[in-house]
Amino acid sequence: MTKLLAILAVCALPVAAQAAPYPEAHPTGYDPYAADAIERADYAAAEDRLVRRLNEDENDVSAMLNLAAVMMETNRAARASSMLEQVLEAENVQLGHADGGTVWSHDAATAGLRGRVTVGSR
């Protein structure tokens, strides 16, 4: 589960300019994709922030991925799977990764779905 969270939560910032309508996190503590809240396991705060983002832009792939991670961590695998499937239906975009590299949104969603299956078979 931690591996899934790491894969999804680090997809916090879209690399593609068209997918980044909001500023990146900055010194005031604004965390547009709730990566810090997820890392702290403050899932209620993370979910609130991500739901608000998705209310503003229902196609925000980064928000969908991170909300799916929150759903998995709060035992809502069916909702997480649904959200990850939405990501797979959306355009495949490059997202920033915590290690400074990039990851494709479809790869992150596929990894999330595989993680759900692994968790479900325990």
PDB file of N, CA and C in Angstrom:
ATOM      1  N   MET A   1       0.828  -1.187   0.000  1.00  0.00           N
ATOM      2  CA  MET A   1       0.000   0.000   0.000  1.00  0.00           C
ATOM      3  C   MET A   1       0.873   1.252   0.000  1.00  0.00           C
ATOM      4  N   THR A   2       1.970   1.211   0.756  1.00  0.00           N
ATOM      5  CA  THR A   2       2.860   2.364   0.799  1.00  0.00           C
ATOM      6  C   THR A   2       3.431   2.641  -0.581  1.00  0.00           C
ATOM      7  N   LYS A   3       3.728   1.565  -1.337  1.00  0.00           N
ATOM      8  CA  LYS A   3       4.263   1.751  -2.684  1.00  0.00           C
ATOM      9  C   LYS A   3       3.240   2.449  -3.570  1.00  0.00           C
ATOM     10  N   LEU A   4       1.960   2.043  -3.461  1.00  0.00           N
ATOM     11  CA  LEU A   4       0.904   2.695  -4.233  1.00  0.00           C
ATOM     12  C   LEU A   4       0.818   4.157  -3.856  1.00  0.00           C
ATOM     13  N   LEU A   5       0.827   4.445  -2.569  1.00  0.00           N
ATOM     14  CA  LEU A   5       0.745   5.826  -2.111  1.00  0.00           C
ATOM     15  C   LEU A   5       1.916   6.630  -2.641  1.00  0.00           C
ATOM     16  N   ALA A   6       3.094   6.045  -2.606  1.00  0.00           N
ATOM     17  CA  ALA A   6       4.270   6.750  -3.100  1.00  0.00           C
ATOM     18  C   ALA A   6       4.151   7.039  -4.582  1.00  0.00           C
ATOM     19  N   ILE A   7       3.650   6.076  -5.341  1.00  0.00           N
ATOM     20  CA  ILE A   7       3.512   6.274  -6.786  1.00  0.00           C
ATOM     21  C   ILE A   7       2.501   7.369  -7.076  1.00  0.00           C
ATOM     22  N   LEU A   8       1.348   7.308  -6.412  1.00  0.00           N
ATOM     23  CA  LEU A   8       0.289   8.250  -6.730  1.00  0.00           C
ATOM     24  C   LEU A   8       0.513   9.629  -6.121  1.00  0.00           C
ATOM     25  N   ALA A   9       0.915   9.682  -4.883  1.00  0.00           N
ATOM     26  CA  ALA A   9       1.028  10.974  -4.211  1.00  0.00           C
ATOM     27  C   ALA A   9       2.116  11.851  -4.805  1.00  0.00           C
ATOM     28  N   VAL A  10       3.121  11.247  -5.381  1.00  0.00           N
ATOM     29  CA  VAL A  10       4.179  12.054  -5.975  1.00  0.00           C
ATOM     30  C   VAL A  10       3.777  12.605  -7.324  1.00  0.00           C
ATOM     31  N   CYS A  11       2.654  12.202  -7.825  1.00  0.00           N
ATOM     32  CA  CYS A  11       2.157  12.730  -9.094  1.00  0.00           C
ATOM     33  C   CYS A  11       1.460  14.050  -8.839  1.00  0.00           C
ATOM     34  N   ALA A  12       2.092  14.856  -8.054  1.00  0.00           N
ATOM     35  CA  ALA A  12       1.435  16.049  -7.565  1.00  0.00           C
ATOM     36  C   ALA A  12       1.399  17.198  -8.559  1.00  0.00           C
ATOM     37  N   LEU A  13       2.361  17.268  -9.415  1.00  0.00           N
ATOM     38  CA  LEU A  13       2.416  18.449 -10.264  1.00  0.00           C
ATOM     39  C   LEU A  13       2.540  18.073 -11.729  1.00  0.00           C
ATOM     40  N   PRO A  14       1.591  18.471 -12.532  1.00  0.00           N
ATOM     41  CA  PRO A  14       1.658  18.167 -13.952  1.00  0.00           C
ATOM     42  C   PRO A  14       2.827  18.869 -14.616  1.00  0.00           C
ATOM     43  N   VAL A  15       3.461  18.184 -15.517  1.00  0.00           N
ATOM     44  CA  VAL A  15       4.560  18.772 -16.263  1.00  0.00           C
ATOM     45  C   VAL A  15       4.004  19.569 -17.441  1.00  0.00           C
ATOM     46  N   ALA A  16       2.963  19.049 -18.049  1.00  0.00           N
ATOM     47  CA  ALA A  16       2.381  19.722 -19.208  1.00  0.00           C
ATOM     48  C   ALA A  16       1.759  21.052 -18.785  1.00  0.00           C
ATOM     49  N   ALA A  17       2.084  22.102 -19.498  1.00  0.00           N
ATOM     50  CA  ALA A  17       1.598  23.431 -19.130  1.00  0.00           C
ATOM     51  C   ALA A  17       0.079  23.511 -19.129  1.00  0.00           C
ATOM     52  N   GLN A  18      -0.587  22.857 -20.075  1.00  0.00           N
ATOM     53  CA  GLN A  18      -2.032  22.930 -20.122  1.00  0.00           C
ATOM     54  C   GLN A  18      -2.668  22.224 -18.931  1.00  0.00           C
ATOM     55  N   ALA A  19      -1.949  21.347 -18.265  1.00  0.00           N
ATOM     56  CA  ALA A  19      -2.501  20.623 -17.126  1.00  0.00           C
ATOM     57  C   ALA A  19      -2.160  21.297 -15.806  1.00  0.00           C
ATOM     58  N   ALA A  20      -1.557  22.478 -15.847  1.00  0.00           N
ATOM     59  CA  ALA A  20      -1.133  23.141 -14.620  1.00  0.00           C
ATOM     60  C   ALA A  20      -1.772  24.515 -14.467  1.00  0.00           C
ATOM     61  N   PRO A  21      -3.093  24.575 -14.249  1.00  0.00           N
ATOM     62  CA  PRO A  21      -3.735  25.873 -14.131  1.00  0.00           C
ATOM     63  C   PRO A  21      -3.498  26.531 -12.780  1.00  0.00           C
ATOM     64  N   TYR A  22      -2.925  25.814 -11.839  1.00  0.00           N
ATOM     65  CA  TYR A  22      -2.696  26.344 -10.499  1.00  0.00           C
ATOM     66  C   TYR A  22      -1.200  26.406 -10.244  1.00  0.00           C
ATOM     67  N   PRO A  23      -0.776  27.283  -9.357  1.00  0.00           N
ATOM     68  CA  PRO A  23       0.653  27.392  -9.073  1.00  0.00           C
ATOM     69  C   PRO A  23       1.148  26.179  -8.297  1.00  0.00           C
ATOM     70  N   GLU A  24       2.452  25.945  -8.406  1.00  0.00           N
ATOM     71  CA  GLU A  24       3.057  24.877  -7.618  1.00  0.00           C
ATOM     72  C   GLU A  24       3.068  25.311  -6.154  1.00  0.00           C
ATOM     73  N   ALA A  25       3.324  24.325  -5.266  1.00  0.00           N
ATOM     74  CA  ALA A  25       3.419  24.641  -3.839  1.00  0.00           C
ATOM     75  C   ALA A  25       4.467  25.728  -3.657  1.00  0.00           C
ATOM     76  N   HIS A  26       4.228  26.627  -2.716  1.00  0.00           N
ATOM     77  CA  HIS A  26       5.171  27.705  -2.503  1.00  0.00           C
ATOM     78  C   HIS A  26       5.367  27.958  -1.014  1.00  0.00           C
ATOM     79  N   PRO A  27       6.241  28.878  -0.641  1.00  0.00           N
ATOM     80  CA  PRO A  27       6.607  29.078   0.759  1.00  0.00           C
ATOM     81  C   PRO A  27       5.438  29.361   1.716  1.00  0.00           C
ATOM     82  N   THR A  28       4.303  29.797   1.223  1.00  0.00           N
ATOM     83  CA  THR A  28       3.189  30.056   2.130  1.00  0.00           C
ATOM     84  C   THR A  28       2.532  28.768   2.590  1.00  0.00           C
ATOM     85  N   GLY A  29       2.955  27.644   2.020  1.00  0.00           N
ATOM     86  CA  GLY A  29       2.416  26.363   2.433  1.00  0.00           C
ATOM     87  C   GLY A  29       1.292  25.862   1.550  1.00  0.00           C
ATOM     88  N   TYR A  30       0.929  26.605   0.516  1.00  0.00           N
ATOM     89  CA  TYR A  30      -0.124  26.160  -0.385  1.00  0.00           C
ATOM     90  C   TYR A  30       0.331  24.900  -1.088  1.00  0.00           C
ATOM     91  N   ASP A  31      -0.442  23.844  -0.981  1.00  0.00           N
ATOM     92  CA  ASP A  31      -0.105  22.534  -1.536  1.00  0.00           C
ATOM     93  C   ASP A  31      -1.263  22.114  -2.426  1.00  0.00           C
ATOM     94  N   PRO A  32      -1.264  22.521  -3.695  1.00  0.00           N
ATOM     95  CA  PRO A  32      -2.433  22.337  -4.551  1.00  0.00           C
ATOM     96  C   PRO A  32      -2.874  20.893  -4.758  1.00  0.00           C
ATOM     97  N   TYR A  33      -1.969  19.954  -4.637  1.00  0.00           N
ATOM     98  CA  TYR A  33      -2.336  18.555  -4.859  1.00  0.00           C
ATOM     99  C   TYR A  33      -2.289  17.726  -3.586  1.00  0.00           C
ATOM    100  N   ALA A  34      -2.230  18.379  -2.440  1.00  0.00           N
ATOM    101  CA  ALA A  34      -2.326  17.756  -1.119  1.00  0.00           C
ATOM    102  C   ALA A  34      -1.252  16.707  -0.852  1.00  0.00           C
ATOM    103  N   ALA A  35      -0.127  16.788  -1.529  1.00  0.00           N
ATOM    104  CA  ALA A  35       0.943  15.808  -1.321  1.00  0.00           C
ATOM    105  C   ALA A  35       1.441  15.826   0.118  1.00  0.00           C
ATOM    106  N   ASP A  36       1.596  17.007   0.705  1.00  0.00           N
ATOM    107  CA  ASP A  36       2.060  17.088   2.091  1.00  0.00           C
ATOM    108  C   ASP A  36       1.046  16.474   3.051  1.00  0.00           C
ATOM    109  N   ALA A  37      -0.234  16.750   2.835  1.00  0.00           N
ATOM    110  CA  ALA A  37      -1.273  16.186   3.701  1.00  0.00           C
ATOM    111  C   ALA A  37      -1.301  14.669   3.571  1.00  0.00           C
ATOM    112  N   ILE A  38      -1.130  14.154   2.372  1.00  0.00           N
ATOM    113  CA  ILE A  38      -1.106  12.702   2.174  1.00  0.00           C
ATOM    114  C   ILE A  38       0.107  12.107   2.872  1.00  0.00           C
ATOM    115  N   GLU A  39       1.243  12.746   2.729  1.00  0.00           N
ATOM    116  CA  GLU A  39       2.465  12.253   3.375  1.00  0.00           C
ATOM    117  C   GLU A  39       2.313  12.213   4.896  1.00  0.00           C
ATOM    118  N   ARG A  40       1.591  13.188   5.454  1.00  0.00           N
ATOM    119  CA  ARG A  40       1.350  13.226   6.903  1.00  0.00           C
ATOM    120  C   ARG A  40       0.222  12.293   7.328  1.00  0.00           C
ATOM    121  N   ALA A  41      -0.419  11.633   6.361  1.00  0.00           N
ATOM    122  CA  ALA A  41      -1.581  10.763   6.604  1.00  0.00           C
ATOM    123  C   ALA A  41      -2.771  11.564   7.125  1.00  0.00           C
ATOM    124  N   ASP A  42      -2.836  12.834   6.752  1.00  0.00           N
ATOM    125  CA  ASP A  42      -3.995  13.671   7.085  1.00  0.00           C
ATOM    126  C   ASP A  42      -4.963  13.563   5.902  1.00  0.00           C
ATOM    127  N   TYR A  43      -5.618  12.416   5.823  1.00  0.00           N
ATOM    128  CA  TYR A  43      -6.437  12.103   4.658  1.00  0.00           C
ATOM    129  C   TYR A  43      -7.680  12.967   4.555  1.00  0.00           C
ATOM    130  N   ALA A  44      -8.220  13.397   5.687  1.00  0.00           N
ATOM    131  CA  ALA A  44      -9.411  14.258   5.642  1.00  0.00           C
ATOM    132  C   ALA A  44      -9.066  15.592   4.972  1.00  0.00           C
ATOM    133  N   ALA A  45      -7.944  16.183   5.365  1.00  0.00           N
ATOM    134  CA  ALA A  45      -7.523  17.450   4.757  1.00  0.00           C
ATOM    135  C   ALA A  45      -7.189  17.265   3.287  1.00  0.00           C
ATOM    136  N   ALA A  46      -6.491  16.175   2.984  1.00  0.00           N
ATOM    137  CA  ALA A  46      -6.124  15.907   1.594  1.00  0.00           C
ATOM    138  C   ALA A  46      -7.370  15.728   0.740  1.00  0.00           C
ATOM    139  N   GLU A  47      -8.326  14.943   1.234  1.00  0.00           N
ATOM    140  CA  GLU A  47      -9.544  14.703   0.462  1.00  0.00           C
ATOM    141  C   GLU A  47     -10.314  16.002   0.240  1.00  0.00           C
ATOM    142  N   ASP A  48     -10.412  16.809   1.266  1.00  0.00           N
ATOM    143  CA  ASP A  48     -11.124  18.081   1.123  1.00  0.00           C
ATOM    144  C   ASP A  48     -10.485  18.946   0.044  1.00  0.00           C
ATOM    145  N   ARG A  49      -9.177  19.086   0.087  1.00  0.00           N
ATOM    146  CA  ARG A  49      -8.464  19.916  -0.889  1.00  0.00           C
ATOM    147  C   ARG A  49      -8.630  19.357  -2.309  1.00  0.00           C
ATOM    148  N   LEU A  50      -8.500  18.044  -2.450  1.00  0.00           N
ATOM    149  CA  LEU A  50      -8.569  17.430  -3.779  1.00  0.00           C
ATOM    150  C   LEU A  50      -9.986  17.462  -4.350  1.00  0.00           C
ATOM    151  N   VAL A  51     -10.979  17.277  -3.508  1.00  0.00           N
ATOM    152  CA  VAL A  51     -12.368  17.365  -3.972  1.00  0.00           C
ATOM    153  C   VAL A  51     -12.664  18.780  -4.450  1.00  0.00           C
ATOM    154  N   ARG A  52     -12.157  19.780  -3.721  1.00  0.00           N
ATOM    155  CA  ARG A  52     -12.353  21.170  -4.165  1.00  0.00           C
ATOM    156  C   ARG A  52     -11.686  21.414  -5.509  1.00  0.00           C
ATOM    157  N   ARG A  53     -10.498  20.877  -5.704  1.00  0.00           N
ATOM    158  CA  ARG A  53      -9.811  21.033  -6.995  1.00  0.00           C
ATOM    159  C   ARG A  53     -10.630  20.394  -8.104  1.00  0.00           C
ATOM    160  N   LEU A  54     -11.149  19.196  -7.837  1.00  0.00           N
ATOM    161  CA  LEU A  54     -11.923  18.500  -8.867  1.00  0.00           C
ATOM    162  C   LEU A  54     -13.265  19.169  -9.121  1.00  0.00           C
ATOM    163  N   ASN A  55     -13.800  19.868  -8.137  1.00  0.00           N
ATOM    164  CA  ASN A  55     -15.026  20.645  -8.367  1.00  0.00           C
ATOM    165  C   ASN A  55     -14.745  21.810  -9.309  1.00  0.00           C
ATOM    166  N   GLU A  56     -13.531  22.338  -9.261  1.00  0.00           N
ATOM    167  CA  GLU A  56     -13.140  23.431 -10.149  1.00  0.00           C
ATOM    168  C   GLU A  56     -12.750  22.918 -11.540  1.00  0.00           C
ATOM    169  N   ASP A  57     -12.129  21.741 -11.577  1.00  0.00           N
ATOM    170  CA  ASP A  57     -11.684  21.158 -12.851  1.00  0.00           C
ATOM    171  C   ASP A  57     -11.783  19.645 -12.735  1.00  0.00           C
ATOM    172  N   GLU A  58     -12.879  19.109 -13.229  1.00  0.00           N
ATOM    173  CA  GLU A  58     -13.132  17.665 -13.092  1.00  0.00           C
ATOM    174  C   GLU A  58     -12.164  16.800 -13.885  1.00  0.00           C
ATOM    175  N   ASN A  59     -11.341  17.411 -14.732  1.00  0.00           N
ATOM    176  CA  ASN A  59     -10.376  16.666 -15.544  1.00  0.00           C
ATOM    177  C   ASN A  59      -8.948  16.786 -15.030  1.00  0.00           C
ATOM    178  N   ASP A  60      -8.774  17.236 -13.803  1.00  0.00           N
ATOM    179  CA  ASP A  60      -7.446  17.410 -13.222  1.00  0.00           C
ATOM    180  C   ASP A  60      -6.885  16.036 -12.854  1.00  0.00           C
ATOM    181  N   VAL A  61      -6.057  15.505 -13.727  1.00  0.00           N
ATOM    182  CA  VAL A  61      -5.536  14.150 -13.577  1.00  0.00           C
ATOM    183  C   VAL A  61      -4.721  13.990 -12.302  1.00  0.00           C
ATOM    184  N   SER A  62      -3.909  14.972 -11.966  1.00  0.00           N
ATOM    185  CA  SER A  62      -3.104  14.892 -10.750  1.00  0.00           C
ATOM    186  C   SER A  62      -3.988  14.800  -9.515  1.00  0.00           C
ATOM    187  N   ALA A  63      -5.036  15.597  -9.479  1.00  0.00           N
ATOM    188  CA  ALA A  63      -5.967  15.549  -8.346  1.00  0.00           C
ATOM    189  C   ALA A  63      -6.671  14.197  -8.283  1.00  0.00           C
ATOM    190  N   MET A  64      -7.038  13.657  -9.444  1.00  0.00           N
ATOM    191  CA  MET A  64      -7.689  12.338  -9.464  1.00  0.00           C
ATOM    192  C   MET A  64      -6.755  11.260  -8.925  1.00  0.00           C
ATOM    193  N   LEU A  65      -5.499  11.277  -9.343  1.00  0.00           N
ATOM    194  CA  LEU A  65      -4.542  10.277  -8.883  1.00  0.00           C
ATOM    195  C   LEU A  65      -4.337  10.371  -7.371  1.00  0.00           C
ATOM    196  N   ASN A  66      -4.165  11.582  -6.881  1.00  0.00           N
ATOM    197  CA  ASN A  66      -3.928  11.734  -5.452  1.00  0.00           C
ATOM    198  C   ASN A  66      -5.176  11.410  -4.641  1.00  0.00           C
ATOM    199  N   LEU A  67      -6.353  11.755  -5.155  1.00  0.00           N
ATOM    200  CA  LEU A  67      -7.582  11.397  -4.450  1.00  0.00           C
ATOM    201  C   LEU A  67      -7.765   9.883  -4.449  1.00  0.00           C
ATOM    202  N   ALA A  68      -7.384   9.225  -5.521  1.00  0.00           N
ATOM    203  CA  ALA A  68      -7.448   7.761  -5.550  1.00  0.00           C
ATOM    204  C   ALA A  68      -6.536   7.171  -4.474  1.00  0.00           C
ATOM    205  N   ALA A  69      -5.362   7.771  -4.287  1.00  0.00           N
ATOM    206  CA  ALA A  69      -4.457   7.299  -3.230  1.00  0.00           C
ATOM    207  C   ALA A  69      -5.102   7.460  -1.860  1.00  0.00           C
ATOM    208  N   VAL A  70      -5.774   8.589  -1.644  1.00  0.00           N
ATOM    209  CA  VAL A  70      -6.475   8.819  -0.374  1.00  0.00           C
ATOM    210  C   VAL A  70      -7.576   7.784  -0.196  1.00  0.00           C
ATOM    211  N   MET A  71      -8.320   7.532  -1.260  1.00  0.00           N
ATOM    212  CA  MET A  71      -9.405   6.539  -1.191  1.00  0.00           C
ATOM    213  C   MET A  71      -8.857   5.155  -0.825  1.00  0.00           C
ATOM    214  N   MET A  72      -7.737   4.779  -1.416  1.00  0.00           N
ATOM    215  CA  MET A  72      -7.139   3.484  -1.089  1.00  0.00           C
ATOM    216  C   MET A  72      -6.708   3.439   0.373  1.00  0.00           C
ATOM    217  N   GLU A  73      -6.110   4.504   0.840  1.00  0.00           N
ATOM    218  CA  GLU A  73      -5.635   4.539   2.227  1.00  0.00           C
ATOM    219  C   GLU A  73      -6.776   4.565   3.240  1.00  0.00           C
ATOM    220  N   THR A  74      -7.964   4.950   2.801  1.00  0.00           N
ATOM    221  CA  THR A  74      -9.118   5.021   3.706  1.00  0.00           C
ATOM    222  C   THR A  74     -10.124   3.918   3.380  1.00  0.00           C
ATOM    223  N   ASN A  75      -9.615   2.829   2.813  1.00  0.00           N
ATOM    224  CA  ASN A  75     -10.408   1.612   2.567  1.00  0.00           C
ATOM    225  C   ASN A  75     -11.616   1.816   1.668  1.00  0.00           C
ATOM    226  N   ARG A  76     -11.441   2.614   0.624  1.00  0.00           N
ATOM    227  CA  ARG A  76     -12.498   2.815  -0.368  1.00  0.00           C
ATOM    228  C   ARG A  76     -11.951   2.430  -1.737  1.00  0.00           C
ATOM    229  N   ALA A  77     -11.588   1.158  -1.852  1.00  0.00           N
ATOM    230  CA  ALA A  77     -10.933   0.658  -3.061  1.00  0.00           C
ATOM    231  C   ALA A  77     -11.806   0.790  -4.301  1.00  0.00           C
ATOM    232  N   ALA A  78     -13.109   0.580  -4.159  1.00  0.00           N
ATOM    233  CA  ALA A  78     -13.992   0.670  -5.334  1.00  0.00           C
ATOM    234  C   ALA A  78     -14.001   2.091  -5.892  1.00  0.00           C
ATOM    235  N   ARG A  79     -14.077   3.081  -5.010  1.00  0.00           N
ATOM    236  CA  ARG A  79     -14.051   4.476  -5.477  1.00  0.00           C
ATOM    237  C   ARG A  79     -12.696   4.830  -6.061  1.00  0.00           C
ATOM    238  N   ALA A  80     -11.629   4.320  -5.440  1.00  0.00           N
ATOM    239  CA  ALA A  80     -10.280   4.577  -5.964  1.00  0.00           C
ATOM    240  C   ALA A  80     -10.137   3.972  -7.359  1.00  0.00           C
ATOM    241  N   SER A  81     -10.619   2.750  -7.524  1.00  0.00           N
ATOM    242  CA  SER A  81     -10.533   2.089  -8.832  1.00  0.00           C
ATOM    243  C   SER A  81     -11.291   2.868  -9.892  1.00  0.00           C
ATOM    244  N   SER A  82     -12.460   3.345  -9.538  1.00  0.00           N
ATOM    245  CA  SER A  82     -13.260   4.137 -10.466  1.00  0.00           C
ATOM    246  C   SER A  82     -12.503   5.397 -10.895  1.00  0.00           C
ATOM    247  N   MET A  83     -11.858   6.046  -9.932  1.00  0.00           N
ATOM    248  CA  MET A  83     -11.116   7.265 -10.236  1.00  0.00           C
ATOM    249  C   MET A  83      -9.904   6.947 -11.116  1.00  0.00           C
ATOM    250  N   LEU A  84      -9.229   5.838 -10.837  1.00  0.00           N
ATOM    251  CA  LEU A  84      -8.069   5.454 -11.643  1.00  0.00           C
ATOM    252  C   LEU A  84      -8.496   5.099 -13.065  1.00  0.00           C
ATOM    253  N   GLU A  85      -9.650   4.509 -13.217  1.00  0.00           N
ATOM    254  CA  GLU A  85     -10.172   4.214 -14.552  1.00  0.00           C
ATOM    255  C   GLU A  85     -10.493   5.502 -15.303  1.00  0.00           C
ATOM    256  N   GLN A  86     -10.947   6.529 -14.588  1.00  0.00           N
ATOM    257  CA  GLN A  86     -11.182   7.835 -15.216  1.00  0.00           C
ATOM    258  C   GLN A  86      -9.866   8.403 -15.738  1.00  0.00           C
ATOM    259  N   VAL A  87      -8.803   8.227 -14.964  1.00  0.00           N
ATOM    260  CA  VAL A  87      -7.484   8.707 -15.400  1.00  0.00           C
ATOM    261  C   VAL A  87      -7.088   8.003 -16.691  1.00  0.00           C
ATOM    262  N   LEU A  88      -7.345   6.705 -16.778  1.00  0.00           N
ATOM    263  CA  LEU A  88      -6.997   5.955 -17.984  1.00  0.00           C
ATOM    264  C   LEU A  88      -7.822   6.389 -19.189  1.00  0.00           C
ATOM    265  N   GLU A  89      -9.020   6.902 -18.949  1.00  0.00           N
ATOM    266  CA  GLU A  89      -9.869   7.395 -20.041  1.00  0.00           C
ATOM    267  C   GLU A  89      -9.452   8.795 -20.489  1.00  0.00           C
ATOM    268  N   ALA A  90      -8.738   9.508 -19.631  1.00  0.00           N
ATOM    269  CA  ALA A  90      -8.295  10.874 -19.947  1.00  0.00           C
ATOM    270  C   ALA A  90      -7.016  10.809 -20.783  1.00  0.00           C
ATOM    271  N   GLU A  91      -6.624  11.967 -21.284  1.00  0.00           N
ATOM    272  CA  GLU A  91      -5.375  12.067 -22.028  1.00  0.00           C
ATOM    273  C   GLU A  91      -4.204  11.656 -21.139  1.00  0.00           C
ATOM    274  N   ASN A  92      -3.261  10.938 -21.694  1.00  0.00           N
ATOM    275  CA  ASN A  92      -2.069  10.505 -20.975  1.00  0.00           C
ATOM    276  C   ASN A  92      -1.100  11.681 -20.918  1.00  0.00           C
ATOM    277  N   VAL A  93      -0.845  12.188 -19.723  1.00  0.00           N
ATOM    278  CA  VAL A  93       0.028  13.352 -19.567  1.00  0.00           C
ATOM    279  C   VAL A  93       1.200  13.002 -18.663  1.00  0.00           C
ATOM    280  N   GLN A  94       2.294  13.735 -18.855  1.00  0.00           N
ATOM    281  CA  GLN A  94       3.461  13.563 -17.998  1.00  0.00           C
ATOM    282  C   GLN A  94       3.262  14.348 -16.722  1.00  0.00           C
ATOM    283  N   LEU A  95       3.617  13.731 -15.605  1.00  0.00           N
ATOM    284  CA  LEU A  95       3.496  14.364 -14.297  1.00  0.00           C
ATOM    285  C   LEU A  95       4.855  14.392 -13.621  1.00  0.00           C
ATOM    286  N   GLY A  96       5.063  15.422 -12.800  1.00  0.00           N
ATOM    287  CA  GLY A  96       6.307  15.511 -12.048  1.00  0.00           C
ATOM    288  C   GLY A  96       6.360  14.431 -10.986  1.00  0.00           C
ATOM    289  N   HIS A  97       7.538  13.909 -10.732  1.00  0.00           N
ATOM    290  CA  HIS A  97       7.755  12.867  -9.735  1.00  0.00           C
ATOM    291  C   HIS A  97       8.646  13.444  -8.642  1.00  0.00           C
ATOM    292  N   ALA A  98       8.493  12.971  -7.423  1.00  0.00           N
ATOM    293  CA  ALA A  98       9.247  13.502  -6.287  1.00  0.00           C
ATOM    294  C   ALA A  98      10.758  13.415  -6.502  1.00  0.00           C
ATOM    295  N   ASP A  99      11.217  12.427  -7.263  1.00  0.00           N
ATOM    296  CA  ASP A  99      12.657  12.278  -7.485  1.00  0.00           C
ATOM    297  C   ASP A  99      13.176  13.212  -8.574  1.00  0.00           C
ATOM    298  N   GLY A 100      12.306  14.072  -9.076  1.00  0.00           N
ATOM    299  CA  GLY A 100      12.707  15.025 -10.102  1.00  0.00           C
ATOM    300  C   GLY A 100      12.446  14.534 -11.512  1.00  0.00           C
ATOM    301  N   GLY A 101      12.111  13.270 -11.649  1.00  0.00           N
ATOM    302  CA  GLY A 101      11.795  12.718 -12.956  1.00  0.00           C
ATOM    303  C   GLY A 101      10.335  12.943 -13.295  1.00  0.00           C
ATOM    304  N   THR A 102       9.859  12.177 -14.246  1.00  0.00           N
ATOM    305  CA  THR A 102       8.461  12.273 -14.645  1.00  0.00           C
ATOM    306  C   THR A 102       7.847  10.882 -14.701  1.00  0.00           C
ATOM    307  N   VAL A 103       6.538  10.847 -14.654  1.00  0.00           N
ATOM    308  CA  VAL A 103       5.782   9.606 -14.788  1.00  0.00           C
ATOM    309  C   VAL A 103       4.552   9.930 -15.629  1.00  0.00           C
ATOM    310  N   TRP A 104       4.145   9.001 -16.474  1.00  0.00           N
ATOM    311  CA  TRP A 104       2.947   9.200 -17.279  1.00  0.00           C
ATOM    312  C   TRP A 104       1.722   8.885 -16.428  1.00  0.00           C
ATOM    313  N   SER A 105       0.677   9.654 -16.607  1.00  0.00           N
ATOM    314  CA  SER A 105      -0.541   9.476 -15.808  1.00  0.00           C
ATOM    315  C   SER A 105      -1.129   8.078 -15.975  1.00  0.00           C
ATOM    316  N   HIS A 106      -1.097   7.533 -17.182  1.00  0.00           N
ATOM    317  CA  HIS A 106      -1.649   6.192 -17.401  1.00  0.00           C
ATOM    318  C   HIS A 106      -0.817   5.124 -16.693  1.00  0.00           C
ATOM    319  N   ASP A 107       0.499   5.323 -16.635  1.00  0.00           N
ATOM    320  CA  ASP A 107       1.356   4.378 -15.911  1.00  0.00           C
ATOM    321  C   ASP A 107       1.048   4.409 -14.420  1.00  0.00           C
ATOM    322  N   ALA A 108       0.849   5.602 -13.873  1.00  0.00           N
ATOM    323  CA  ALA A 108       0.530   5.727 -12.450  1.00  0.00           C
ATOM    324  C   ALA A 108      -0.821   5.096 -12.150  1.00  0.00           C
ATOM    325  N   ALA A 109      -1.806   5.319 -13.014  1.00  0.00           N
ATOM    326  CA  ALA A 109      -3.140   4.741 -12.801  1.00  0.00           C
ATOM    327  C   ALA A 109      -3.097   3.217 -12.905  1.00  0.00           C
ATOM    328  N   THR A 110      -2.366   2.714 -13.872  1.00  0.00           N
ATOM    329  CA  THR A 110      -2.241   1.263 -14.029  1.00  0.00           C
ATOM    330  C   THR A 110      -1.569   0.648 -12.806  1.00  0.00           C
ATOM    331  N   ALA A 111      -0.519   1.298 -12.319  1.00  0.00           N
ATOM    332  CA  ALA A 111       0.154   0.803 -11.109  1.00  0.00           C
ATOM    333  C   ALA A 111      -0.798   0.821  -9.922  1.00  0.00           C
ATOM    334  N   GLY A 112      -1.618   1.853  -9.836  1.00  0.00           N
ATOM    335  CA  GLY A 112      -2.601   1.927  -8.762  1.00  0.00           C
ATOM    336  C   GLY A 112      -3.613   0.805  -8.843  1.00  0.00           C
ATOM    337  N   LEU A 113      -4.080   0.507 -10.028  1.00  0.00           N
ATOM    338  CA  LEU A 113      -5.043  -0.587 -10.200  1.00  0.00           C
ATOM    339  C   LEU A 113      -4.406  -1.931  -9.884  1.00  0.00           C
ATOM    340  N   ARG A 114      -3.170  -2.117 -10.254  1.00  0.00           N
ATOM    341  CA  ARG A 114      -2.458  -3.357  -9.917  1.00  0.00           C
ATOM    342  C   ARG A 114      -2.286  -3.466  -8.406  1.00  0.00           C
ATOM    343  N   GLY A 115      -2.013  -2.351  -7.753  1.00  0.00           N
ATOM    344  CA  GLY A 115      -1.858  -2.347  -6.299  1.00  0.00           C
ATOM    345  C   GLY A 115      -3.153  -2.736  -5.616  1.00  0.00           C
ATOM    346  N   ARG A 116      -4.282  -2.295  -6.169  1.00  0.00           N
ATOM    347  CA  ARG A 116      -5.577  -2.634  -5.601  1.00  0.00           C
ATOM    348  C   ARG A 116      -5.791  -4.131  -5.689  1.00  0.00           C
ATOM    349  N   VAL A 117      -5.450  -4.717  -6.818  1.00  0.00           N
ATOM    350  CA  VAL A 117      -5.615  -6.156  -7.000  1.00  0.00           C
ATOM    351  C   VAL A 117      -4.737  -6.906  -6.011  1.00  0.00           C
ATOM    352  N   THR A 118      -3.500  -6.448  -5.848  1.00  0.00           N
ATOM    353  CA  THR A 118      -2.591  -7.097  -4.902  1.00  0.00           C
ATOM    354  C   THR A 118      -3.148  -7.019  -3.488  1.00  0.00           C
ATOM    355  N   VAL A 119      -3.613  -5.854  -3.088  1.00  0.00           N
ATOM    356  CA  VAL A 119      -4.184  -5.691  -1.762  1.00  0.00           C
ATOM    357  C   VAL A 119      -5.403  -6.583  -1.607  1.00  0.00           C
ATOM    358  N   GLY A 120      -6.225  -6.638  -2.637  1.00  0.00           N
ATOM    359  CA  GLY A 120      -7.448  -7.423  -2.570  1.00  0.00           C
ATOM    360  C   GLY A 120      -7.200  -8.918  -2.473  1.00  0.00           C
ATOM    361  N   SER A 121      -6.025  -9.390  -2.873  1.00  0.00           N
ATOM    362  CA  SER A 121      -5.758 -10.824  -2.853  1.00  0.00           C
ATOM    363  C   SER A 121      -5.070 -11.284  -1.591  1.00  0.00           C
ATOM    364  N   ARG A 122      -4.795 -10.376  -0.695  1.00  0.00           N
ATOM    365  CA  ARG A 122      -4.113 -10.764   0.558  1.00  0.00           C
ATOM    366  C   ARG A 122      -5.025 -11.586   1.420  1.00  0.00           C
TER     367      ARG A 122
END
